[in-house]
PDB file of all heavy atoms in Angstrom:
ATOM      1  N   LEU A   1       1.190  -7.362  -4.579  1.00  0.00           N
ATOM      2  CA  LEU A   1       2.060  -6.261  -4.549  1.00  0.00           C
ATOM      3  C   LEU A   1       2.825  -6.366  -3.148  1.00  0.00           C
ATOM      4  O   LEU A   1       2.126  -6.742  -2.193  1.00  0.00           O
ATOM      5  CB  LEU A   1       1.352  -4.957  -4.521  1.00  0.00           C
ATOM      6  CG  LEU A   1       0.841  -4.447  -5.865  1.00  0.00           C
ATOM      7  CD1 LEU A   1       0.032  -3.235  -5.677  1.00  0.00           C
ATOM      8  CD2 LEU A   1       1.882  -4.104  -6.828  1.00  0.00           C
ATOM      9  N   ILE A   2       3.976  -6.063  -3.043  1.00  0.00           N
ATOM     10  CA  ILE A   2       4.743  -6.019  -1.733  1.00  0.00           C
ATOM     11  C   ILE A   2       5.389  -4.573  -1.751  1.00  0.00           C
ATOM     12  O   ILE A   2       6.315  -4.229  -2.544  1.00  0.00           O
ATOM     13  CB  ILE A   2       5.779  -7.096  -1.655  1.00  0.00           C
ATOM     14  CG1 ILE A   2       5.254  -8.520  -1.777  1.00  0.00           C
ATOM     15  CG2 ILE A   2       6.546  -6.908  -0.405  1.00  0.00           C
ATOM     16  CD1 ILE A   2       6.205  -9.635  -1.922  1.00  0.00           C
ATOM     17  N   LEU A   3       4.852  -3.777  -0.857  1.00  0.00           N
ATOM     18  CA  LEU A   3       5.250  -2.347  -0.797  1.00  0.00           C
ATOM     19  C   LEU A   3       5.606  -2.069   0.734  1.00  0.00           C
ATOM     20  O   LEU A   3       4.994  -2.636   1.641  1.00  0.00           O
ATOM     21  CB  LEU A   3       4.127  -1.483  -1.190  1.00  0.00           C
ATOM     22  CG  LEU A   3       3.663  -1.516  -2.587  1.00  0.00           C
ATOM     23  CD1 LEU A   3       2.477  -0.756  -2.970  1.00  0.00           C
ATOM     24  CD2 LEU A   3       4.785  -1.181  -3.597  1.00  0.00           C
ATOM     25  N   PRO A   4       6.584  -1.146   0.929  1.00  0.00           N
ATOM     26  CA  PRO A   4       6.884  -0.773   2.326  1.00  0.00           C
ATOM     27  C   PRO A   4       5.787   0.135   2.985  1.00  0.00           C
ATOM     28  O   PRO A   4       5.373   1.031   2.226  1.00  0.00           O
ATOM     29  CB  PRO A   4       8.184  -0.111   2.196  1.00  0.00           C
ATOM     30  CG  PRO A   4       8.230   0.491   0.730  1.00  0.00           C
ATOM     31  CD  PRO A   4       7.390  -0.563  -0.103  1.00  0.00           C
ATOM     32  N   CYS A   5       5.571  -0.041   4.148  1.00  0.00           N
ATOM     33  CA  CYS A   5       4.742   0.880   4.918  1.00  0.00           C
ATOM     34  C   CYS A   5       5.401   2.306   5.009  1.00  0.00           C
ATOM     35  O   CYS A   5       6.579   2.369   5.264  1.00  0.00           O
ATOM     36  CB  CYS A   5       4.495   0.345   6.378  1.00  0.00           C
ATOM     37  SG  CYS A   5       3.620   1.513   7.459  1.00  0.00           S
ATOM     38  N   PRO A   6       4.726   3.332   4.704  1.00  0.00           N
ATOM     39  CA  PRO A   6       5.334   4.663   4.733  1.00  0.00           C
ATOM     40  C   PRO A   6       5.617   5.081   6.085  1.00  0.00           C
ATOM     41  O   PRO A   6       6.435   6.127   6.260  1.00  0.00           O
ATOM     42  CB  PRO A   6       4.364   5.589   4.084  1.00  0.00           C
ATOM     43  CG  PRO A   6       2.983   4.911   4.299  1.00  0.00           C
ATOM     44  CD  PRO A   6       3.246   3.425   4.237  1.00  0.00           C
ATOM     45  N   TYR A   7       5.159   4.459   7.158  1.00  0.00           N
ATOM     46  CA  TYR A   7       5.402   4.855   8.601  1.00  0.00           C
ATOM     47  C   TYR A   7       6.575   4.006   9.152  1.00  0.00           C
ATOM     48  O   TYR A   7       7.457   4.689   9.804  1.00  0.00           O
ATOM     49  CB  TYR A   7       4.146   4.629   9.429  1.00  0.00           C
ATOM     50  CG  TYR A   7       2.963   5.436   8.975  1.00  0.00           C
ATOM     51  CD1 TYR A   7       2.035   4.792   8.156  1.00  0.00           C
ATOM     52  CD2 TYR A   7       2.813   6.791   9.373  1.00  0.00           C
ATOM     53  CE1 TYR A   7       0.910   5.740   7.723  1.00  0.00           C
ATOM     54  CE2 TYR A   7       1.809   7.580   8.974  1.00  0.00           C
ATOM     55  CZ  TYR A   7       0.789   6.987   8.174  1.00  0.00           C
ATOM     56  OH  TYR A   7      -0.163   7.775   7.848  1.00  0.00           O
ATOM     57  N   CYS A   8       6.519   2.749   9.012  1.00  0.00           N
ATOM     58  CA  CYS A   8       7.584   1.936   9.680  1.00  0.00           C
ATOM     59  C   CYS A   8       8.563   1.174   8.709  1.00  0.00           C
ATOM     60  O   CYS A   8       9.503   0.596   9.164  1.00  0.00           O
ATOM     61  CB  CYS A   8       6.897   0.940  10.652  1.00  0.00           C
ATOM     62  SG  CYS A   8       5.949  -0.318   9.862  1.00  0.00           S
ATOM     63  N   GLY A   9       8.152   1.042   7.442  1.00  0.00           N
ATOM     64  CA  GLY A   9       9.095   0.344   6.465  1.00  0.00           C
ATOM     65  C   GLY A   9       8.696  -1.119   6.361  1.00  0.00           C
ATOM     66  O   GLY A   9       9.400  -1.818   5.549  1.00  0.00           O
ATOM     67  N   ALA A  10       7.804  -1.646   7.149  1.00  0.00           N
ATOM     68  CA  ALA A  10       7.538  -3.127   7.160  1.00  0.00           C
ATOM     69  C   ALA A  10       6.884  -3.424   5.752  1.00  0.00           C
ATOM     70  O   ALA A  10       6.210  -2.604   5.112  1.00  0.00           O
ATOM     71  CB  ALA A  10       6.518  -3.440   8.161  1.00  0.00           C
ATOM     72  N   GLU A  11       7.214  -4.667   5.239  1.00  0.00           N
ATOM     73  CA  GLU A  11       6.656  -4.965   3.889  1.00  0.00           C
ATOM     74  C   GLU A  11       5.190  -5.377   4.086  1.00  0.00           C
ATOM     75  O   GLU A  11       4.862  -6.243   4.879  1.00  0.00           O
ATOM     76  CB  GLU A  11       7.473  -6.164   3.377  1.00  0.00           C
ATOM     77  CG  GLU A  11       8.820  -5.885   2.880  1.00  0.00           C
ATOM     78  CD  GLU A  11       9.495  -7.074   2.219  1.00  0.00           C
ATOM     79  OE1 GLU A  11       8.983  -8.235   2.272  1.00  0.00           O
ATOM     80  OE2 GLU A  11      10.529  -6.824   1.555  1.00  0.00           O
ATOM     81  N   LEU A  12       4.331  -4.763   3.263  1.00  0.00           N
ATOM     82  CA  LEU A  12       2.890  -5.133   3.187  1.00  0.00           C
ATOM     83  C   LEU A  12       2.569  -5.801   1.977  1.00  0.00           C
ATOM     84  O   LEU A  12       2.976  -5.370   0.877  1.00  0.00           O
ATOM     85  CB  LEU A  12       2.073  -3.839   3.387  1.00  0.00           C
ATOM     86  CG  LEU A  12       2.424  -2.957   4.695  1.00  0.00           C
ATOM     87  CD1 LEU A  12       1.479  -1.744   4.726  1.00  0.00           C
ATOM     88  CD2 LEU A  12       2.123  -3.824   5.940  1.00  0.00           C
ATOM     89  N   HIS A  13       1.936  -7.003   2.128  1.00  0.00           N
ATOM     90  CA  HIS A  13       1.502  -7.769   0.872  1.00  0.00           C
ATOM     91  C   HIS A  13       0.075  -7.381   0.599  1.00  0.00           C
ATOM     92  O   HIS A  13      -0.877  -7.494   1.458  1.00  0.00           O
ATOM     93  CB  HIS A  13       1.530  -9.206   1.216  1.00  0.00           C
ATOM     94  CG  HIS A  13       2.913  -9.678   1.534  1.00  0.00           C
ATOM     95  ND1 HIS A  13       3.607 -10.516   0.610  1.00  0.00           N
ATOM     96  CD2 HIS A  13       3.837  -9.332   2.442  1.00  0.00           C
ATOM     97  CE1 HIS A  13       4.870 -10.760   0.996  1.00  0.00           C
ATOM     98  NE2 HIS A  13       5.035 -10.124   2.106  1.00  0.00           N
ATOM     99  N   ILE A  14      -0.161  -6.776  -0.564  1.00  0.00           N
ATOM    100  CA  ILE A  14      -1.490  -6.410  -0.967  1.00  0.00           C
ATOM    101  C   ILE A  14      -2.027  -7.284  -2.066  1.00  0.00           C
ATOM    102  O   ILE A  14      -1.361  -7.504  -3.128  1.00  0.00           O
ATOM    103  CB  ILE A  14      -1.348  -4.894  -1.534  1.00  0.00           C
ATOM    104  CG1 ILE A  14      -0.844  -4.058  -0.371  1.00  0.00           C
ATOM    105  CG2 ILE A  14      -2.805  -4.401  -1.890  1.00  0.00           C
ATOM    106  CD1 ILE A  14      -0.430  -2.766  -0.789  1.00  0.00           C
ATOM    107  N   GLU A  15      -3.101  -7.909  -1.856  1.00  0.00           N
ATOM    108  CA  GLU A  15      -3.774  -8.913  -2.805  1.00  0.00           C
ATOM    109  C   GLU A  15      -4.335  -8.193  -4.032  1.00  0.00           C
ATOM    110  O   GLU A  15      -4.712  -6.993  -3.962  1.00  0.00           O
ATOM    111  CB  GLU A  15      -4.842  -9.684  -2.087  1.00  0.00           C
ATOM    112  CG  GLU A  15      -4.330 -10.523  -0.922  1.00  0.00           C
ATOM    113  CD  GLU A  15      -3.352 -11.576  -1.425  1.00  0.00           C
ATOM    114  OE1 GLU A  15      -3.449 -12.178  -2.483  1.00  0.00           O
ATOM    115  OE2 GLU A  15      -2.327 -11.795  -0.627  1.00  0.00           O
ATOM    116  N   GLU A  16      -4.306  -8.788  -5.139  1.00  0.00           N
ATOM    117  CA  GLU A  16      -4.732  -8.232  -6.374  1.00  0.00           C
ATOM    118  C   GLU A  16      -6.113  -7.694  -6.263  1.00  0.00           C
ATOM    119  O   GLU A  16      -6.404  -6.643  -6.906  1.00  0.00           O
ATOM    120  CB  GLU A  16      -4.739  -9.355  -7.500  1.00  0.00           C
ATOM    121  CG  GLU A  16      -5.072  -8.888  -8.793  1.00  0.00           C
ATOM    122  CD  GLU A  16      -4.889  -9.928  -9.871  1.00  0.00           C
ATOM    123  OE1 GLU A  16      -4.679 -11.040  -9.591  1.00  0.00           O
ATOM    124  OE2 GLU A  16      -5.164  -9.523 -11.110  1.00  0.00           O
ATOM    125  N   ALA A  17      -7.054  -8.231  -5.586  1.00  0.00           N
ATOM    126  CA  ALA A  17      -8.358  -7.706  -5.396  1.00  0.00           C
ATOM    127  C   ALA A  17      -8.463  -6.313  -4.768  1.00  0.00           C
ATOM    128  O   ALA A  17      -9.380  -5.613  -5.017  1.00  0.00           O
ATOM    129  CB  ALA A  17      -9.241  -8.647  -4.525  1.00  0.00           C
ATOM    130  N   ASP A  18      -7.437  -5.941  -4.099  1.00  0.00           N
ATOM    131  CA  ASP A  18      -7.269  -4.676  -3.421  1.00  0.00           C
ATOM    132  C   ASP A  18      -6.478  -3.621  -4.218  1.00  0.00           C
ATOM    133  O   ASP A  18      -6.355  -2.482  -3.671  1.00  0.00           O
ATOM    134  CB  ASP A  18      -6.753  -4.741  -1.951  1.00  0.00           C
ATOM    135  CG  ASP A  18      -7.596  -5.754  -1.147  1.00  0.00           C
ATOM    136  OD1 ASP A  18      -8.854  -5.592  -1.223  1.00  0.00           O
ATOM    137  OD2 ASP A  18      -7.051  -6.442  -0.332  1.00  0.00           O
ATOM    138  N   TRP A  19      -6.043  -3.947  -5.446  1.00  0.00           N
ATOM    139  CA  TRP A  19      -5.195  -2.983  -6.140  1.00  0.00           C
ATOM    140  C   TRP A  19      -6.188  -1.925  -6.798  1.00  0.00           C
ATOM    141  O   TRP A  19      -6.619  -1.959  -7.998  1.00  0.00           O
ATOM    142  CB  TRP A  19      -4.514  -3.726  -7.345  1.00  0.00           C
ATOM    143  CG  TRP A  19      -3.424  -4.666  -6.907  1.00  0.00           C
ATOM    144  CD1 TRP A  19      -2.979  -4.863  -5.584  1.00  0.00           C
ATOM    145  CD2 TRP A  19      -2.633  -5.569  -7.743  1.00  0.00           C
ATOM    146  NE1 TRP A  19      -1.992  -5.835  -5.680  1.00  0.00           N
ATOM    147  CE2 TRP A  19      -1.823  -6.203  -6.908  1.00  0.00           C
ATOM    148  CE3 TRP A  19      -2.727  -5.751  -9.064  1.00  0.00           C
ATOM    149  CZ2 TRP A  19      -0.932  -7.216  -7.385  1.00  0.00           C
ATOM    150  CZ3 TRP A  19      -1.862  -6.780  -9.584  1.00  0.00           C
ATOM    151  CH2 TRP A  19      -0.922  -7.405  -8.744  1.00  0.00           C
ATOM    152  N   ARG A  20      -6.496  -0.908  -6.031  1.00  0.00           N
ATOM    153  CA  ARG A  20      -7.256   0.190  -6.470  1.00  0.00           C
ATOM    154  C   ARG A  20      -6.605   1.525  -6.037  1.00  0.00           C
ATOM    155  O   ARG A  20      -6.209   1.690  -4.871  1.00  0.00           O
ATOM    156  CB  ARG A  20      -8.670   0.202  -5.899  1.00  0.00           C
ATOM    157  CG  ARG A  20      -9.474  -1.006  -6.395  1.00  0.00           C
ATOM    158  CD  ARG A  20     -10.863  -0.952  -5.812  1.00  0.00           C
ATOM    159  NE  ARG A  20     -10.912  -0.612  -4.410  1.00  0.00           N
ATOM    160  CZ  ARG A  20     -10.762  -1.532  -3.393  1.00  0.00           C
ATOM    161  NH1 ARG A  20     -10.542  -2.794  -3.547  1.00  0.00           N
ATOM    162  NH2 ARG A  20     -10.828  -1.085  -2.117  1.00  0.00           N
ATOM    163  N   ASP A  21      -6.409   2.380  -6.906  1.00  0.00           N
ATOM    164  CA  ASP A  21      -5.868   3.709  -6.656  1.00  0.00           C
ATOM    165  C   ASP A  21      -6.747   4.331  -5.490  1.00  0.00           C
ATOM    166  O   ASP A  21      -7.923   4.471  -5.663  1.00  0.00           O
ATOM    167  CB  ASP A  21      -5.918   4.637  -7.796  1.00  0.00           C
ATOM    168  CG  ASP A  21      -4.986   5.877  -7.589  1.00  0.00           C
ATOM    169  OD1 ASP A  21      -4.111   5.832  -6.852  1.00  0.00           O
ATOM    170  OD2 ASP A  21      -5.291   6.825  -8.298  1.00  0.00           O
ATOM    171  N   GLY A  22      -6.254   4.732  -4.436  1.00  0.00           N
ATOM    172  CA  GLY A  22      -6.925   5.393  -3.337  1.00  0.00           C
ATOM    173  C   GLY A  22      -7.360   4.383  -2.234  1.00  0.00           C
ATOM    174  O   GLY A  22      -7.996   4.785  -1.186  1.00  0.00           O
ATOM    175  N   ALA A  23      -7.043   3.107  -2.500  1.00  0.00           N
ATOM    176  CA  ALA A  23      -7.636   2.071  -1.431  1.00  0.00           C
ATOM    177  C   ALA A  23      -6.739   2.248  -0.122  1.00  0.00           C
ATOM    178  O   ALA A  23      -5.570   2.543  -0.141  1.00  0.00           O
ATOM    179  CB  ALA A  23      -7.374   0.607  -1.989  1.00  0.00           C
ATOM    180  N   GLY A  24      -7.439   1.998   0.972  1.00  0.00           N
ATOM    181  CA  GLY A  24      -6.754   2.074   2.332  1.00  0.00           C
ATOM    182  C   GLY A  24      -6.130   0.748   2.660  1.00  0.00           C
ATOM    183  O   GLY A  24      -6.674  -0.305   2.355  1.00  0.00           O
ATOM    184  N   VAL A  25      -4.956   0.855   3.306  1.00  0.00           N
ATOM    185  CA  VAL A  25      -4.209  -0.396   3.620  1.00  0.00           C
ATOM    186  C   VAL A  25      -3.816  -0.112   5.091  1.00  0.00           C
ATOM    187  O   VAL A  25      -3.329   0.877   5.413  1.00  0.00           O
ATOM    188  CB  VAL A  25      -3.071  -0.653   2.797  1.00  0.00           C
ATOM    189  CG1 VAL A  25      -2.118  -1.759   3.243  1.00  0.00           C
ATOM    190  CG2 VAL A  25      -3.351  -0.726   1.314  1.00  0.00           C
ATOM    191  N   HIS A  26      -3.977  -1.187   5.910  1.00  0.00           N
ATOM    192  CA  HIS A  26      -3.686  -1.114   7.306  1.00  0.00           C
ATOM    193  C   HIS A  26      -2.438  -1.867   7.578  1.00  0.00           C
ATOM    194  O   HIS A  26      -2.247  -3.005   7.141  1.00  0.00           O
ATOM    195  CB  HIS A  26      -4.741  -1.628   8.210  1.00  0.00           C
ATOM    196  CG  HIS A  26      -4.543  -1.543   9.686  1.00  0.00           C
ATOM    197  ND1 HIS A  26      -4.628  -0.420  10.363  1.00  0.00           N
ATOM    198  CD2 HIS A  26      -4.118  -2.593  10.504  1.00  0.00           C
ATOM    199  CE1 HIS A  26      -4.360  -0.624  11.604  1.00  0.00           C
ATOM    200  NE2 HIS A  26      -3.990  -1.960  11.791  1.00  0.00           N
ATOM    201  N   CYS A  27      -1.512  -1.344   8.382  1.00  0.00           N
ATOM    202  CA  CYS A  27      -0.245  -1.983   8.669  1.00  0.00           C
ATOM    203  C   CYS A  27      -0.382  -2.485  10.060  1.00  0.00           C
ATOM    204  O   CYS A  27      -0.583  -1.840  11.080  1.00  0.00           O
ATOM    205  CB  CYS A  27       0.922  -1.008   8.652  1.00  0.00           C
ATOM    206  SG  CYS A  27       2.531  -1.748   9.204  1.00  0.00           S
ATOM    207  N   ALA A  28      -0.313  -3.828  10.177  1.00  0.00           N
ATOM    208  CA  ALA A  28      -0.429  -4.537  11.478  1.00  0.00           C
ATOM    209  C   ALA A  28       0.831  -4.300  12.317  1.00  0.00           C
ATOM    210  O   ALA A  28       0.768  -4.529  13.550  1.00  0.00           O
ATOM    211  CB  ALA A  28      -0.544  -6.034  11.229  1.00  0.00           C
ATOM    212  N   HIS A  29       1.896  -3.909  11.737  1.00  0.00           N
ATOM    213  CA  HIS A  29       3.177  -3.739  12.480  1.00  0.00           C
ATOM    214  C   HIS A  29       3.175  -2.533  13.305  1.00  0.00           C
ATOM    215  O   HIS A  29       3.519  -2.497  14.509  1.00  0.00           O
ATOM    216  CB  HIS A  29       4.448  -3.737  11.564  1.00  0.00           C
ATOM    217  CG  HIS A  29       4.541  -4.986  10.842  1.00  0.00           C
ATOM    218  ND1 HIS A  29       5.205  -6.158  11.314  1.00  0.00           N
ATOM    219  CD2 HIS A  29       4.181  -5.367   9.541  1.00  0.00           C
ATOM    220  CE1 HIS A  29       5.155  -7.143  10.442  1.00  0.00           C
ATOM    221  NE2 HIS A  29       4.619  -6.639   9.380  1.00  0.00           N
ATOM    222  N   CYS A  30       2.714  -1.362  12.776  1.00  0.00           N
ATOM    223  CA  CYS A  30       2.724  -0.083  13.441  1.00  0.00           C
ATOM    224  C   CYS A  30       1.293   0.463  13.773  1.00  0.00           C
ATOM    225  O   CYS A  30       1.153   1.456  14.275  1.00  0.00           O
ATOM    226  CB  CYS A  30       3.560   0.907  12.743  1.00  0.00           C
ATOM    227  SG  CYS A  30       2.907   1.420  11.193  1.00  0.00           S
ATOM    228  N   ASN A  31       0.231  -0.329  13.266  1.00  0.00           N
ATOM    229  CA  ASN A  31      -1.106   0.075  13.492  1.00  0.00           C
ATOM    230  C   ASN A  31      -1.603   1.354  12.885  1.00  0.00           C
ATOM    231  O   ASN A  31      -2.438   2.059  13.410  1.00  0.00           O
ATOM    232  CB  ASN A  31      -1.417   0.030  15.025  1.00  0.00           C
ATOM    233  CG  ASN A  31      -2.866  -0.149  15.347  1.00  0.00           C
ATOM    234  OD1 ASN A  31      -3.517  -0.979  14.534  1.00  0.00           O
ATOM    235  ND2 ASN A  31      -3.371   0.465  16.176  1.00  0.00           N
ATOM    236  N   ASN A  32      -0.944   1.726  11.765  1.00  0.00           N
ATOM    237  CA  ASN A  32      -1.272   2.911  11.001  1.00  0.00           C
ATOM    238  C   ASN A  32      -1.932   2.547   9.673  1.00  0.00           C
ATOM    239  O   ASN A  32      -1.734   1.413   9.242  1.00  0.00           O
ATOM    240  CB  ASN A  32      -0.092   3.813  10.698  1.00  0.00           C
ATOM    241  CG  ASN A  32       0.439   4.541  11.820  1.00  0.00           C
ATOM    242  OD1 ASN A  32      -0.293   5.320  12.463  1.00  0.00           O
ATOM    243  ND2 ASN A  32       1.731   4.396  12.282  1.00  0.00           N
ATOM    244  N   ASP A  33      -2.701   3.539   9.132  1.00  0.00           N
ATOM    245  CA  ASP A  33      -3.377   3.305   7.935  1.00  0.00           C
ATOM    246  C   ASP A  33      -2.571   4.047   6.767  1.00  0.00           C
ATOM    247  O   ASP A  33      -2.057   5.201   6.997  1.00  0.00           O
ATOM    248  CB  ASP A  33      -4.729   3.719   7.958  1.00  0.00           C
ATOM    249  CG  ASP A  33      -5.596   2.906   8.870  1.00  0.00           C
ATOM    250  OD1 ASP A  33      -5.477   1.643   8.855  1.00  0.00           O
ATOM    251  OD2 ASP A  33      -6.457   3.500   9.539  1.00  0.00           O
ATOM    252  N   ALA A  34      -2.459   3.498   5.600  1.00  0.00           N
ATOM    253  CA  ALA A  34      -1.823   4.127   4.486  1.00  0.00           C
ATOM    254  C   ALA A  34      -2.750   4.024   3.331  1.00  0.00           C
ATOM    255  O   ALA A  34      -3.830   3.353   3.373  1.00  0.00           O
ATOM    256  CB  ALA A  34      -0.477   3.429   4.172  1.00  0.00           C
ATOM    257  N   VAL A  35      -2.443   4.743   2.215  1.00  0.00           N
ATOM    258  CA  VAL A  35      -3.245   4.806   1.054  1.00  0.00           C
ATOM    259  C   VAL A  35      -2.457   4.286  -0.180  1.00  0.00           C
ATOM    260  O   VAL A  35      -1.286   4.742  -0.389  1.00  0.00           O
ATOM    261  CB  VAL A  35      -3.738   6.262   0.695  1.00  0.00           C
ATOM    262  CG1 VAL A  35      -4.504   6.266  -0.524  1.00  0.00           C
ATOM    263  CG2 VAL A  35      -4.612   6.757   1.900  1.00  0.00           C
ATOM    264  N   LEU A  36      -3.021   3.345  -0.815  1.00  0.00           N
ATOM    265  CA  LEU A  36      -2.426   2.875  -2.138  1.00  0.00           C
ATOM    266  C   LEU A  36      -2.590   3.877  -3.251  1.00  0.00           C
ATOM    267  O   LEU A  36      -3.629   4.368  -3.494  1.00  0.00           O
ATOM    268  CB  LEU A  36      -3.062   1.484  -2.477  1.00  0.00           C
ATOM    269  CG  LEU A  36      -2.414   0.775  -3.624  1.00  0.00           C
ATOM    270  CD1 LEU A  36      -0.995   0.334  -3.322  1.00  0.00           C
ATOM    271  CD2 LEU A  36      -3.218  -0.503  -3.943  1.00  0.00           C
ATOM    272  N   GLN A  37      -1.480   4.213  -3.926  1.00  0.00           N
ATOM    273  CA  GLN A  37      -1.508   5.282  -4.877  1.00  0.00           C
ATOM    274  C   GLN A  37      -0.801   4.643  -6.149  1.00  0.00           C
ATOM    275  O   GLN A  37       0.144   4.082  -6.129  1.00  0.00           O
ATOM    276  CB  GLN A  37      -0.707   6.444  -4.424  1.00  0.00           C
ATOM    277  CG  GLN A  37      -0.810   7.655  -5.300  1.00  0.00           C
ATOM    278  CD  GLN A  37      -0.081   8.868  -4.658  1.00  0.00           C
ATOM    279  OE1 GLN A  37       1.073   8.845  -4.444  1.00  0.00           O
ATOM    280  NE2 GLN A  37      -0.885   9.833  -4.344  1.00  0.00           N
ATOM    281  N   CYS A  38      -1.490   5.007  -7.345  1.00  0.00           N
ATOM    282  CA  CYS A  38      -0.983   4.472  -8.591  1.00  0.00           C
ATOM    283  C   CYS A  38      -0.600   5.641  -9.423  1.00  0.00           C
ATOM    284  O   CYS A  38      -1.358   6.682  -9.621  1.00  0.00           O
ATOM    285  CB  CYS A  38      -2.030   3.717  -9.260  1.00  0.00           C
ATOM    286  SG  CYS A  38      -1.512   3.148 -10.966  1.00  0.00           S
ATOM    287  N   GLU A  39       0.625   5.615 -10.070  1.00  0.00           N
ATOM    288  CA  GLU A  39       0.991   6.737 -11.009  1.00  0.00           C
ATOM    289  C   GLU A  39       1.414   5.987 -12.339  1.00  0.00           C
ATOM    290  O   GLU A  39       2.154   5.072 -12.277  1.00  0.00           O
ATOM    291  CB  GLU A  39       2.219   7.470 -10.451  1.00  0.00           C
ATOM    292  CG  GLU A  39       2.793   8.526 -11.317  1.00  0.00           C
ATOM    293  CD  GLU A  39       4.048   9.227 -10.717  1.00  0.00           C
ATOM    294  OE1 GLU A  39       4.248   9.068  -9.557  1.00  0.00           O
ATOM    295  OE2 GLU A  39       4.733   9.854 -11.478  1.00  0.00           O
ATOM    296  N   TRP A  40       0.837   6.390 -13.413  1.00  0.00           N
ATOM    297  CA  TRP A  40       1.100   5.834 -14.706  1.00  0.00           C
ATOM    298  C   TRP A  40       2.362   6.546 -15.298  1.00  0.00           C
ATOM    299  O   TRP A  40       2.389   7.678 -15.369  1.00  0.00           O
ATOM    300  CB  TRP A  40      -0.111   5.928 -15.645  1.00  0.00           C
ATOM    301  CG  TRP A  40      -1.187   5.111 -15.119  1.00  0.00           C
ATOM    302  CD1 TRP A  40      -2.272   5.381 -14.338  1.00  0.00           C
ATOM    303  CD2 TRP A  40      -1.361   3.748 -15.390  1.00  0.00           C
ATOM    304  NE1 TRP A  40      -2.967   4.442 -14.023  1.00  0.00           N
ATOM    305  CE2 TRP A  40      -2.494   3.322 -14.728  1.00  0.00           C
ATOM    306  CE3 TRP A  40      -0.609   2.820 -16.148  1.00  0.00           C
ATOM    307  CZ2 TRP A  40      -2.960   1.920 -14.706  1.00  0.00           C
ATOM    308  CZ3 TRP A  40      -1.148   1.453 -16.175  1.00  0.00           C
ATOM    309  CH2 TRP A  40      -2.231   1.087 -15.496  1.00  0.00           C
ATOM    310  N   ILE A  41       3.350   5.700 -15.618  1.00  0.00           N
ATOM    311  CA  ILE A  41       4.602   6.195 -16.156  1.00  0.00           C
ATOM    312  C   ILE A  41       4.501   6.180 -17.756  1.00  0.00           C
ATOM    313  O   ILE A  41       3.878   5.280 -18.332  1.00  0.00           O
ATOM    314  CB  ILE A  41       5.750   5.178 -15.721  1.00  0.00           C
ATOM    315  CG1 ILE A  41       5.763   5.113 -14.201  1.00  0.00           C
ATOM    316  CG2 ILE A  41       7.099   5.734 -16.266  1.00  0.00           C
ATOM    317  CD1 ILE A  41       5.900   6.374 -13.395  1.00  0.00           C
ATOM    318  N   GLY A  42       5.180   7.002 -18.357  1.00  0.00           N
ATOM    319  CA  GLY A  42       5.260   7.078 -19.728  1.00  0.00           C
ATOM    320  C   GLY A  42       3.970   7.578 -20.347  1.00  0.00           C
ATOM    321  O   GLY A  42       3.373   8.584 -19.813  1.00  0.00           O
ATOM    322  N   HIS A  43       3.387   6.882 -21.254  1.00  0.00           N
ATOM    323  CA  HIS A  43       2.034   7.351 -21.841  1.00  0.00           C
ATOM    324  C   HIS A  43       0.943   6.376 -21.228  1.00  0.00           C
ATOM    325  O   HIS A  43       0.001   5.927 -21.996  1.00  0.00           O
ATOM    326  CB  HIS A  43       2.075   7.114 -23.304  1.00  0.00           C
ATOM    327  CG  HIS A  43       3.069   8.118 -23.881  1.00  0.00           C
ATOM    328  ND1 HIS A  43       2.756   9.457 -23.943  1.00  0.00           N
ATOM    329  CD2 HIS A  43       4.295   8.018 -24.503  1.00  0.00           C
ATOM    330  CE1 HIS A  43       3.798  10.106 -24.548  1.00  0.00           C
ATOM    331  NE2 HIS A  43       4.751   9.293 -24.821  1.00  0.00           N
TER     332      HIS A  43
END
């Protein structure tokens, strides 16, 4: 997964092993922590 940091916008690469709803992700660019969130679309 390549997602933008919610603090600085830097692209963060998240390995498949870490794809868990609620998992913590650290941004090395701005030194902040973010949370990975999953929303199911449709059904």
